Amino acid sequence: MEQGAAGIRLDRWLHHARLFRTRTLAAGAVDAGGIRMNGNPCRKPAQMLRGGDVVTVSAHGQVRVLRVLGLGERRGPASEAVALYEEVEM
């Protein structure tokens, strides 16, 4: 896993999980207030994300609640990206 067990930047994980096409778009969504971590508003793209964290993403006309299962080492194919999270029922 990238950056060891410590975690990964939120914007980087959002990009690896293919929730945003670019890391810049992911950082913009965080800056705009469209992302929550563990129920708390998050405005820092560099916020560290760890396995087990719950990320709420409001983007592309929908709200998704995701539990982080993996941090990812790169932005891979969609089949690799879906293994990084699981949908949480609201």
PDB file of N, CA and C in Angstrom:
ATOM      1  N   MET A   1       0.836  -1.184   0.000  1.00  0.00           N
ATOM      2  CA  MET A   1       0.000   0.000   0.000  1.00  0.00           C
ATOM      3  C   MET A   1       0.874   1.238   0.000  1.00  0.00           C
ATOM      4  N   GLU A   2       0.410   2.229  -0.668  1.00  0.00           N
ATOM      5  CA  GLU A   2       1.174   3.456  -0.773  1.00  0.00           C
ATOM      6  C   GLU A   2       1.256   4.161   0.570  1.00  0.00           C
ATOM      7  N   GLN A   3       2.396   4.731   0.851  1.00  0.00           N
ATOM      8  CA  GLN A   3       2.659   5.478   2.061  1.00  0.00           C
ATOM      9  C   GLN A   3       2.516   4.609   3.310  1.00  0.00           C
ATOM     10  N   GLY A   4       2.725   3.323   3.168  1.00  0.00           N
ATOM     11  CA  GLY A   4       2.693   2.416   4.316  1.00  0.00           C
ATOM     12  C   GLY A   4       1.329   2.362   4.964  1.00  0.00           C
ATOM     13  N   ALA A   5       1.306   1.982   6.230  1.00  0.00           N
ATOM     14  CA  ALA A   5       0.051   1.847   6.959  1.00  0.00           C
ATOM     15  C   ALA A   5      -0.471   3.198   7.433  1.00  0.00           C
ATOM     16  N   ALA A   6       0.332   4.253   7.263  1.00  0.00           N
ATOM     17  CA  ALA A   6      -0.050   5.573   7.753  1.00  0.00           C
ATOM     18  C   ALA A   6      -1.301   6.096   7.049  1.00  0.00           C
ATOM     19  N   GLY A   7      -1.419   5.883   5.783  1.00  0.00           N
ATOM     20  CA  GLY A   7      -2.582   6.363   5.054  1.00  0.00           C
ATOM     21  C   GLY A   7      -2.196   6.940   3.706  1.00  0.00           C
ATOM     22  N   ILE A   8      -3.171   7.616   3.110  1.00  0.00           N
ATOM     23  CA  ILE A   8      -3.001   8.222   1.798  1.00  0.00           C
ATOM     24  C   ILE A   8      -3.798   9.519   1.785  1.00  0.00           C
ATOM     25  N   ARG A   9      -3.346  10.474   0.990  1.00  0.00           N
ATOM     26  CA  ARG A   9      -4.092  11.730   0.864  1.00  0.00           C
ATOM     27  C   ARG A   9      -5.497  11.451   0.332  1.00  0.00           C
ATOM     28  N   LEU A  10      -6.477  12.170   0.856  1.00  0.00           N
ATOM     29  CA  LEU A  10      -7.863  11.991   0.451  1.00  0.00           C
ATOM     30  C   LEU A  10      -8.042  12.206  -1.048  1.00  0.00           C
ATOM     31  N   ASP A  11      -7.478  13.283  -1.595  1.00  0.00           N
ATOM     32  CA  ASP A  11      -7.658  13.548  -3.022  1.00  0.00           C
ATOM     33  C   ASP A  11      -7.045  12.444  -3.886  1.00  0.00           C
ATOM     34  N   ARG A  12      -5.937  11.910  -3.433  1.00  0.00           N
ATOM     35  CA  ARG A  12      -5.278  10.836  -4.179  1.00  0.00           C
ATOM     36  C   ARG A  12      -6.137   9.564  -4.165  1.00  0.00           C
ATOM     37  N   TRP A  13      -6.706   9.240  -2.998  1.00  0.00           N
ATOM     38  CA  TRP A  13      -7.554   8.047  -2.899  1.00  0.00           C
ATOM     39  C   TRP A  13      -8.801   8.199  -3.766  1.00  0.00           C
ATOM     40  N   LEU A  14      -9.425   9.373  -3.745  1.00  0.00           N
ATOM     41  CA  LEU A  14     -10.611   9.604  -4.572  1.00  0.00           C
ATOM     42  C   LEU A  14     -10.293   9.388  -6.053  1.00  0.00           C
ATOM     43  N   HIS A  15      -9.100   9.777  -6.450  1.00  0.00           N
ATOM     44  CA  HIS A  15      -8.663   9.573  -7.835  1.00  0.00           C
ATOM     45  C   HIS A  15      -8.388   8.086  -8.095  1.00  0.00           C
ATOM     46  N   HIS A  16      -7.679   7.422  -7.176  1.00  0.00           N
ATOM     47  CA  HIS A  16      -7.400   5.984  -7.337  1.00  0.00           C
ATOM     48  C   HIS A  16      -8.680   5.169  -7.401  1.00  0.00           C
ATOM     49  N   ALA A  17      -9.681   5.550  -6.610  1.00  0.00           N
ATOM     50  CA  ALA A  17     -10.954   4.826  -6.572  1.00  0.00           C
ATOM     51  C   ALA A  17     -11.841   5.165  -7.775  1.00  0.00           C
ATOM     52  N   ARG A  18     -11.345   6.014  -8.652  1.00  0.00           N
ATOM     53  CA  ARG A  18     -12.028   6.401  -9.888  1.00  0.00           C
ATOM     54  C   ARG A  18     -13.346   7.123  -9.636  1.00  0.00           C
ATOM     55  N   LEU A  19     -13.402   7.857  -8.530  1.00  0.00           N
ATOM     56  CA  LEU A  19     -14.584   8.665  -8.237  1.00  0.00           C
ATOM     57  C   LEU A  19     -14.493  10.015  -8.944  1.00  0.00           C
ATOM     58  N   PHE A  20     -13.256  10.411  -9.289  1.00  0.00           N
ATOM     59  CA  PHE A  20     -13.008  11.627 -10.056  1.00  0.00           C
ATOM     60  C   PHE A  20     -11.969  11.321 -11.123  1.00  0.00           C
ATOM     61  N   ARG A  21     -12.128  11.927 -12.279  1.00  0.00           N
ATOM     62  CA  ARG A  21     -11.260  11.642 -13.417  1.00  0.00           C
ATOM     63  C   ARG A  21      -9.820  12.094 -13.188  1.00  0.00           C
ATOM     64  N   THR A  22      -9.663  13.199 -12.468  1.00  0.00           N
ATOM     65  CA  THR A  22      -8.312  13.692 -12.175  1.00  0.00           C
ATOM     66  C   THR A  22      -8.179  13.991 -10.685  1.00  0.00           C
ATOM     67  N   ARG A  23      -6.953  14.036 -10.237  1.00  0.00           N
ATOM     68  CA  ARG A  23      -6.701  14.375  -8.834  1.00  0.00           C
ATOM     69  C   ARG A  23      -7.072  15.840  -8.570  1.00  0.00           C
ATOM     70  N   THR A  24      -6.903  16.696  -9.556  1.00  0.00           N
ATOM     71  CA  THR A  24      -7.276  18.103  -9.426  1.00  0.00           C
ATOM     72  C   THR A  24      -8.770  18.246  -9.203  1.00  0.00           C
ATOM     73  N   LEU A  25      -9.581  17.483  -9.933  1.00  0.00           N
ATOM     74  CA  LEU A  25     -11.033  17.510  -9.736  1.00  0.00           C
ATOM     75  C   LEU A  25     -11.405  17.003  -8.345  1.00  0.00           C
ATOM     76  N   ALA A  26     -10.709  15.962  -7.887  1.00  0.00           N
ATOM     77  CA  ALA A  26     -10.953  15.428  -6.543  1.00  0.00           C
ATOM     78  C   ALA A  26     -10.627  16.484  -5.486  1.00  0.00           C
ATOM     79  N   ALA A  27      -9.496  17.156  -5.636  1.00  0.00           N
ATOM     80  CA  ALA A  27      -9.107  18.204  -4.684  1.00  0.00           C
ATOM     81  C   ALA A  27     -10.123  19.347  -4.697  1.00  0.00           C
ATOM     82  N   GLY A  28     -10.620  19.684  -5.876  1.00  0.00           N
ATOM     83  CA  GLY A  28     -11.633  20.736  -5.986  1.00  0.00           C
ATOM     84  C   GLY A  28     -12.921  20.373  -5.271  1.00  0.00           C
ATOM     85  N   ALA A  29     -13.322  19.105  -5.363  1.00  0.00           N
ATOM     86  CA  ALA A  29     -14.532  18.650  -4.678  1.00  0.00           C
ATOM     87  C   ALA A  29     -14.359  18.729  -3.165  1.00  0.00           C
ATOM     88  N   VAL A  30     -13.166  18.388  -2.689  1.00  0.00           N
ATOM     89  CA  VAL A  30     -12.892  18.482  -1.251  1.00  0.00           C
ATOM     90  C   VAL A  30     -12.928  19.951  -0.827  1.00  0.00           C
ATOM     91  N   ASP A  31     -12.257  20.817  -1.568  1.00  0.00           N
ATOM     92  CA  ASP A  31     -12.243  22.257  -1.262  1.00  0.00           C
ATOM     93  C   ASP A  31     -13.650  22.848  -1.236  1.00  0.00           C
ATOM     94  N   ALA A  32     -14.513  22.375  -2.129  1.00  0.00           N
ATOM     95  CA  ALA A  32     -15.870  22.895  -2.244  1.00  0.00           C
ATOM     96  C   ALA A  32     -16.809  22.368  -1.159  1.00  0.00           C
ATOM     97  N   GLY A  33     -16.345  21.412  -0.373  1.00  0.00           N
ATOM     98  CA  GLY A  33     -17.179  20.893   0.714  1.00  0.00           C
ATOM     99  C   GLY A  33     -18.043  19.713   0.330  1.00  0.00           C
ATOM    100  N   GLY A  34     -17.761  19.064  -0.791  1.00  0.00           N
ATOM    101  CA  GLY A  34     -18.573  17.942  -1.237  1.00  0.00           C
ATOM    102  C   GLY A  34     -18.156  16.595  -0.680  1.00  0.00           C
ATOM    103  N   ILE A  35     -17.183  16.585   0.231  1.00  0.00           N
ATOM    104  CA  ILE A  35     -16.666  15.333   0.776  1.00  0.00           C
ATOM    105  C   ILE A  35     -16.701  15.390   2.299  1.00  0.00           C
ATOM    106  N   ARG A  36     -17.148  14.287   2.925  1.00  0.00           N
ATOM    107  CA  ARG A  36     -17.120  14.157   4.377  1.00  0.00           C
ATOM    108  C   ARG A  36     -16.311  12.910   4.718  1.00  0.00           C
ATOM    109  N   MET A  37     -15.573  12.994   5.828  1.00  0.00           N
ATOM    110  CA  MET A  37     -14.827  11.829   6.319  1.00  0.00           C
ATOM    111  C   MET A  37     -15.344  11.480   7.698  1.00  0.00           C
ATOM    112  N   ASN A  38     -15.788  10.251   7.854  1.00  0.00           N
ATOM    113  CA  ASN A  38     -16.305   9.776   9.133  1.00  0.00           C
ATOM    114  C   ASN A  38     -17.373  10.716   9.692  1.00  0.00           C
ATOM    115  N   GLY A  39     -18.205  11.252   8.795  1.00  0.00           N
ATOM    116  CA  GLY A  39     -19.310  12.115   9.192  1.00  0.00           C
ATOM    117  C   GLY A  39     -18.955  13.576   9.389  1.00  0.00           C
ATOM    118  N   ASN A  40     -17.684  13.921   9.303  1.00  0.00           N
ATOM    119  CA  ASN A  40     -17.248  15.305   9.510  1.00  0.00           C
ATOM    120  C   ASN A  40     -16.899  15.973   8.190  1.00  0.00           C
ATOM    121  N   PRO A  41     -17.271  17.241   8.032  1.00  0.00           N
ATOM    122  CA  PRO A  41     -16.891  17.958   6.811  1.00  0.00           C
ATOM    123  C   PRO A  41     -15.373  17.980   6.670  1.00  0.00           C
ATOM    124  N   CYS A  42     -14.911  17.855   5.460  1.00  0.00           N
ATOM    125  CA  CYS A  42     -13.476  17.856   5.191  1.00  0.00           C
ATOM    126  C   CYS A  42     -13.194  18.850   4.079  1.00  0.00           C
ATOM    127  N   ARG A  43     -12.314  19.800   4.333  1.00  0.00           N
ATOM    128  CA  ARG A  43     -11.971  20.811   3.335  1.00  0.00           C
ATOM    129  C   ARG A  43     -10.498  20.773   2.968  1.00  0.00           C
ATOM    130  N   LYS A  44      -9.785  19.731   3.401  1.00  0.00           N
ATOM    131  CA  LYS A  44      -8.355  19.630   3.114  1.00  0.00           C
ATOM    132  C   LYS A  44      -8.080  18.430   2.211  1.00  0.00           C
ATOM    133  N   PRO A  45      -7.691  18.674   0.959  1.00  0.00           N
ATOM    134  CA  PRO A  45      -7.377  17.567   0.061  1.00  0.00           C
ATOM    135  C   PRO A  45      -6.255  16.669   0.592  1.00  0.00           C
ATOM    136  N   ALA A  46      -5.370  17.225   1.432  1.00  0.00           N
ATOM    137  CA  ALA A  46      -4.241  16.456   1.962  1.00  0.00           C
ATOM    138  C   ALA A  46      -4.600  15.688   3.230  1.00  0.00           C
ATOM    139  N   GLN A  47      -5.861  15.727   3.656  1.00  0.00           N
ATOM    140  CA  GLN A  47      -6.294  14.974   4.840  1.00  0.00           C
ATOM    141  C   GLN A  47      -5.931  13.500   4.656  1.00  0.00           C
ATOM    142  N   MET A  48      -5.349  12.885   5.674  1.00  0.00           N
ATOM    143  CA  MET A  48      -4.931  11.490   5.571  1.00  0.00           C
ATOM    144  C   MET A  48      -6.122  10.548   5.754  1.00  0.00           C
ATOM    145  N   LEU A  49      -6.225   9.606   4.868  1.00  0.00           N
ATOM    146  CA  LEU A  49      -7.295   8.614   4.852  1.00  0.00           C
ATOM    147  C   LEU A  49      -6.691   7.269   5.189  1.00  0.00           C
ATOM    148  N   ARG A  50      -7.385   6.482   5.995  1.00  0.00           N
ATOM    149  CA  ARG A  50      -6.892   5.169   6.405  1.00  0.00           C
ATOM    150  C   ARG A  50      -7.969   4.113   6.159  1.00  0.00           C
ATOM    151  N   GLY A  51      -7.550   2.881   6.122  1.00  0.00           N
ATOM    152  CA  GLY A  51      -8.495   1.780   5.960  1.00  0.00           C
ATOM    153  C   GLY A  51      -9.538   1.819   7.071  1.00  0.00           C
ATOM    154  N   GLY A  52     -10.798   1.583   6.714  1.00  0.00           N
ATOM    155  CA  GLY A  52     -11.886   1.596   7.684  1.00  0.00           C
ATOM    156  C   GLY A  52     -12.602   2.928   7.770  1.00  0.00           C
ATOM    157  N   ASP A  53     -11.991   4.006   7.270  1.00  0.00           N
ATOM    158  CA  ASP A  53     -12.651   5.315   7.270  1.00  0.00           C
ATOM    159  C   ASP A  53     -13.885   5.255   6.372  1.00  0.00           C
ATOM    160  N   VAL A  54     -14.862   6.104   6.686  1.00  0.00           N
ATOM    161  CA  VAL A  54     -16.073   6.201   5.871  1.00  0.00           C
ATOM    162  C   VAL A  54     -16.059   7.560   5.175  1.00  0.00           C
ATOM    163  N   VAL A  55     -16.164   7.531   3.857  1.00  0.00           N
ATOM    164  CA  VAL A  55     -16.120   8.741   3.040  1.00  0.00           C
ATOM    165  C   VAL A  55     -17.481   8.935   2.382  1.00  0.00           C
ATOM    166  N   THR A  56     -18.048  10.126   2.560  1.00  0.00           N
ATOM    167  CA  THR A  56     -19.301  10.477   1.894  1.00  0.00           C
ATOM    168  C   THR A  56     -18.951  11.429   0.760  1.00  0.00           C
ATOM    169  N   VAL A  57     -19.333  11.037  -0.447  1.00  0.00           N
ATOM    170  CA  VAL A  57     -18.989  11.799  -1.644  1.00  0.00           C
ATOM    171  C   VAL A  57     -20.271  12.309  -2.295  1.00  0.00           C
ATOM    172  N   SER A  58     -20.376  13.623  -2.413  1.00  0.00           N
ATOM    173  CA  SER A  58     -21.494  14.242  -3.114  1.00  0.00           C
ATOM    174  C   SER A  58     -20.941  14.777  -4.429  1.00  0.00           C
ATOM    175  N   ALA A  59     -21.197  14.032  -5.501  1.00  0.00           N
ATOM    176  CA  ALA A  59     -20.671  14.424  -6.812  1.00  0.00           C
ATOM    177  C   ALA A  59     -21.473  13.743  -7.907  1.00  0.00           C
ATOM    178  N   HIS A  60     -21.448  14.339  -9.060  1.00  0.00           N
ATOM    179  CA  HIS A  60     -22.089  13.765 -10.247  1.00  0.00           C
ATOM    180  C   HIS A  60     -23.586  13.505 -10.022  1.00  0.00           C
ATOM    181  N   GLY A  61     -24.232  14.373  -9.241  1.00  0.00           N
ATOM    182  CA  GLY A  61     -25.669  14.267  -9.021  1.00  0.00           C
ATOM    183  C   GLY A  61     -26.105  13.174  -8.067  1.00  0.00           C
ATOM    184  N   GLN A  62     -25.195  12.621  -7.311  1.00  0.00           N
ATOM    185  CA  GLN A  62     -25.568  11.579  -6.341  1.00  0.00           C
ATOM    186  C   GLN A  62     -24.694  11.661  -5.101  1.00  0.00           C
ATOM    187  N   VAL A  63     -25.159  11.045  -4.027  1.00  0.00           N
ATOM    188  CA  VAL A  63     -24.400  10.968  -2.787  1.00  0.00           C
ATOM    189  C   VAL A  63     -24.081   9.501  -2.544  1.00  0.00           C
ATOM    190  N   ARG A  64     -22.802   9.210  -2.335  1.00  0.00           N
ATOM    191  CA  ARG A  64     -22.361   7.841  -2.078  1.00  0.00           C
ATOM    192  C   ARG A  64     -21.633   7.802  -0.746  1.00  0.00           C
ATOM    193  N   VAL A  65     -21.920   6.778   0.049  1.00  0.00           N
ATOM    194  CA  VAL A  65     -21.230   6.572   1.315  1.00  0.00           C
ATOM    195  C   VAL A  65     -20.383   5.317   1.146  1.00  0.00           C
ATOM    196  N   LEU A  66     -19.063   5.459   1.324  1.00  0.00           N
ATOM    197  CA  LEU A  66     -18.121   4.384   1.032  1.00  0.00           C
ATOM    198  C   LEU A  66     -17.222   4.100   2.225  1.00  0.00           C
ATOM    199  N   ARG A  67     -17.021   2.832   2.532  1.00  0.00           N
ATOM    200  CA  ARG A  67     -16.060   2.417   3.549  1.00  0.00           C
ATOM    201  C   ARG A  67     -14.775   2.041   2.835  1.00  0.00           C
ATOM    202  N   VAL A  68     -13.667   2.601   3.287  1.00  0.00           N
ATOM    203  CA  VAL A  68     -12.369   2.378   2.662  1.00  0.00           C
ATOM    204  C   VAL A  68     -11.858   0.985   3.026  1.00  0.00           C
ATOM    205  N   LEU A  69     -11.619   0.161   2.007  1.00  0.00           N
ATOM    206  CA  LEU A  69     -11.083  -1.185   2.203  1.00  0.00           C
ATOM    207  C   LEU A  69      -9.602  -1.255   1.866  1.00  0.00           C
ATOM    208  N   GLY A  70      -9.161  -0.396   0.968  1.00  0.00           N
ATOM    209  CA  GLY A  70      -7.764  -0.381   0.548  1.00  0.00           C
ATOM    210  C   GLY A  70      -7.371   1.017   0.119  1.00  0.00           C
ATOM    211  N   LEU A  71      -6.080   1.272   0.117  1.00  0.00           N
ATOM    212  CA  LEU A  71      -5.595   2.604  -0.229  1.00  0.00           C
ATOM    213  C   LEU A  71      -5.187   2.719  -1.687  1.00  0.00           C
ATOM    214  N   GLY A  72      -4.791   1.637  -2.297  1.00  0.00           N
ATOM    215  CA  GLY A  72      -4.398   1.653  -3.701  1.00  0.00           C
ATOM    216  C   GLY A  72      -3.002   2.208  -3.891  1.00  0.00           C
ATOM    217  N   GLU A  73      -2.336   1.706  -4.876  1.00  0.00           N
ATOM    218  CA  GLU A  73      -0.988   2.168  -5.192  1.00  0.00           C
ATOM    219  C   GLU A  73      -0.963   3.008  -6.456  1.00  0.00           C
ATOM    220  N   ARG A  74      -2.041   2.916  -7.230  1.00  0.00           N
ATOM    221  CA  ARG A  74      -2.107   3.654  -8.491  1.00  0.00           C
ATOM    222  C   ARG A  74      -3.560   3.745  -8.920  1.00  0.00           C
ATOM    223  N   ARG A  75      -3.808   4.539  -9.945  1.00  0.00           N
ATOM    224  CA  ARG A  75      -5.141   4.594 -10.545  1.00  0.00           C
ATOM    225  C   ARG A  75      -5.166   3.504 -11.609  1.00  0.00           C
ATOM    226  N   GLY A  76      -5.729   2.391 -11.260  1.00  0.00           N
ATOM    227  CA  GLY A  76      -5.772   1.263 -12.169  1.00  0.00           C
ATOM    228  C   GLY A  76      -7.119   1.159 -12.865  1.00  0.00           C
ATOM    229  N   PRO A  77      -7.393   0.009 -13.442  1.00  0.00           N
ATOM    230  CA  PRO A  77      -8.671  -0.199 -14.110  1.00  0.00           C
ATOM    231  C   PRO A  77      -9.827  -0.216 -13.104  1.00  0.00           C
ATOM    232  N   ALA A  78     -11.035  -0.071 -13.610  1.00  0.00           N
ATOM    233  CA  ALA A  78     -12.213  -0.021 -12.748  1.00  0.00           C
ATOM    234  C   ALA A  78     -12.329  -1.265 -11.865  1.00  0.00           C
ATOM    235  N   SER A  79     -11.949  -2.414 -12.400  1.00  0.00           N
ATOM    236  CA  SER A  79     -12.038  -3.652 -11.624  1.00  0.00           C
ATOM    237  C   SER A  79     -11.123  -3.606 -10.400  1.00  0.00           C
ATOM    238  N   GLU A  80     -10.013  -2.901 -10.506  1.00  0.00           N
ATOM    239  CA  GLU A  80      -9.088  -2.728  -9.383  1.00  0.00           C
ATOM    240  C   GLU A  80      -9.618  -1.662  -8.419  1.00  0.00           C
ATOM    241  N   ALA A  81     -10.222  -0.620  -8.964  1.00  0.00           N
ATOM    242  CA  ALA A  81     -10.707   0.501  -8.155  1.00  0.00           C
ATOM    243  C   ALA A  81     -11.855   0.089  -7.225  1.00  0.00           C
ATOM    244  N   VAL A  82     -12.765  -0.756  -7.692  1.00  0.00           N
ATOM    245  CA  VAL A  82     -13.905  -1.123  -6.852  1.00  0.00           C
ATOM    246  C   VAL A  82     -13.495  -1.959  -5.639  1.00  0.00           C
ATOM    247  N   ALA A  83     -12.309  -2.517  -5.669  1.00  0.00           N
ATOM    248  CA  ALA A  83     -11.813  -3.278  -4.518  1.00  0.00           C
ATOM    249  C   ALA A  83     -11.307  -2.361  -3.395  1.00  0.00           C
ATOM    250  N   LEU A  84     -11.241  -1.054  -3.673  1.00  0.00           N
ATOM    251  CA  LEU A  84     -10.753  -0.117  -2.662  1.00  0.00           C
ATOM    252  C   LEU A  84     -11.829   0.330  -1.688  1.00  0.00           C
ATOM    253  N   TYR A  85     -13.097   0.031  -1.991  1.00  0.00           N
ATOM    254  CA  TYR A  85     -14.186   0.491  -1.119  1.00  0.00           C
ATOM    255  C   TYR A  85     -15.391  -0.436  -1.214  1.00  0.00           C
ATOM    256  N   GLU A  86     -16.303  -0.262  -0.237  1.00  0.00           N
ATOM    257  CA  GLU A  86     -17.605  -0.925  -0.290  1.00  0.00           C
ATOM    258  C   GLU A  86     -18.665   0.129  -0.019  1.00  0.00           C
ATOM    259  N   GLU A  87     -19.784  -0.001  -0.682  1.00  0.00           N
ATOM    260  CA  GLU A  87     -20.905   0.937  -0.463  1.00  0.00           C
ATOM    261  C   GLU A  87     -21.512   0.648   0.900  1.00  0.00           C
ATOM    262  N   VAL A  88     -21.846   1.704   1.622  1.00  0.00           N
ATOM    263  CA  VAL A  88     -22.490   1.583   2.925  1.00  0.00           C
ATOM    264  C   VAL A  88     -23.930   2.019   2.747  1.00  0.00           C
ATOM    265  N   GLU A  89     -24.849   1.217   3.235  1.00  0.00           N
ATOM    266  CA  GLU A  89     -26.261   1.561   3.141  1.00  0.00           C
ATOM    267  C   GLU A  89     -26.559   2.714   4.089  1.00  0.00           C
ATOM    268  N   MET A  90     -27.328   3.685   3.595  1.00  0.00           N
ATOM    269  CA  MET A  90     -27.656   4.858   4.426  1.00  0.00           C
ATOM    270  C   MET A  90     -28.894   4.626   5.246  1.00  0.00           C
TER     271      MET A  90
END
